[in-house]
Protein backbone atom coordinates (compact mmCIF):
# COMPACT_ATOMS: atom_id res chain seq x y z
CA MET A 1 119.12 80.55 87.94
CA SER A 2 118.32 77.04 89.00
CA ARG A 3 120.62 75.27 91.44
CA ARG A 4 121.86 73.03 88.66
CA GLU A 5 122.63 76.09 86.52
CA VAL A 6 124.55 77.66 89.42
CA ARG A 7 126.55 74.48 89.85
CA GLN A 8 127.32 74.37 86.12
CA MET A 9 128.28 78.07 86.03
CA LEU A 10 130.76 77.57 88.89
CA GLN A 11 132.27 74.63 87.03
CA ASP A 12 132.43 76.44 83.68
CA LEU A 13 133.74 79.80 84.87
CA TRP A 14 135.97 78.94 87.79
CA ALA A 15 136.47 75.15 87.61
CA VAL A 16 134.76 74.85 91.01
CA ARG A 17 133.11 71.49 91.53
CA ILE A 18 130.27 71.72 94.02
CA SER A 19 127.36 69.47 94.92
CA LEU A 20 123.72 70.54 94.70
CA GLY A 21 123.54 70.18 98.48
CA ALA A 22 126.40 72.64 98.88
CA VAL A 23 124.57 75.12 96.63
CA VAL A 24 121.48 74.79 98.83
CA ARG A 25 123.54 75.27 102.01
CA GLN A 26 125.09 78.42 100.56
CA GLU A 27 121.63 79.75 99.61
CA GLN A 28 120.51 79.18 103.20
CA ALA A 29 123.63 80.80 104.67
CA GLN A 30 123.31 83.87 102.43
CA SER A 31 119.59 84.18 103.17
CA ALA A 32 120.29 84.08 106.90
CA ALA A 33 123.08 86.65 106.57
CA LEU A 34 120.85 89.02 104.57
CA ALA A 35 117.73 88.58 106.71
CA PRO A 36 118.37 91.69 108.88
CA VAL A 37 118.77 93.84 105.76
CA GLY A 38 115.56 92.46 104.29
CA GLU A 39 113.68 93.07 107.52
CA GLU A 40 114.96 96.66 107.68
CA ALA A 41 113.82 97.27 104.09
CA ARG A 42 110.43 95.73 104.84
CA ALA A 43 109.95 97.88 107.95
CA THR A 44 110.97 101.03 106.06
CA ALA A 45 108.55 100.27 103.23
CA GLN A 46 105.71 99.61 105.66
CA GLN A 47 106.27 102.99 107.33
CA ALA A 48 106.56 104.94 104.07
CA ALA A 49 103.82 107.35 103.09
CA ALA A 50 103.82 105.90 99.56
CA VAL A 51 105.28 102.72 98.14
CA SER A 52 105.68 101.79 94.48
CA VAL A 53 107.13 98.46 93.41
CA ASP A 54 107.12 98.84 89.65
CA GLU A 55 107.51 101.32 86.80
CA THR A 56 103.79 101.71 86.15
CA GLY A 57 103.06 105.34 85.38
CA TRP A 58 100.09 107.46 86.37
CA ARG A 59 98.72 110.90 85.53
CA GLN A 60 99.28 113.82 87.85
CA ASP A 61 98.02 117.27 86.86
CA ARG A 62 97.44 115.96 83.32
CA GLN A 63 101.10 114.93 83.01
CA ARG A 64 102.61 111.49 83.10
CA ALA A 65 104.40 110.60 86.31
CA TRP A 66 106.29 107.64 87.74
């Protein structure tokens, strides 16, 4: 969602009036709070023997696999 859409959703659903700047500040605060979790996920993926980021299938022993 765009920042304007977030602002409108807050107004429509919960009658919360918020500026676009406040939406941006909340995005930044949430990103900072979640940064350690993202870094942990990144490190785990980099150490994994195999990594798949989508649902693209492949063949394995003449059978479809995911």
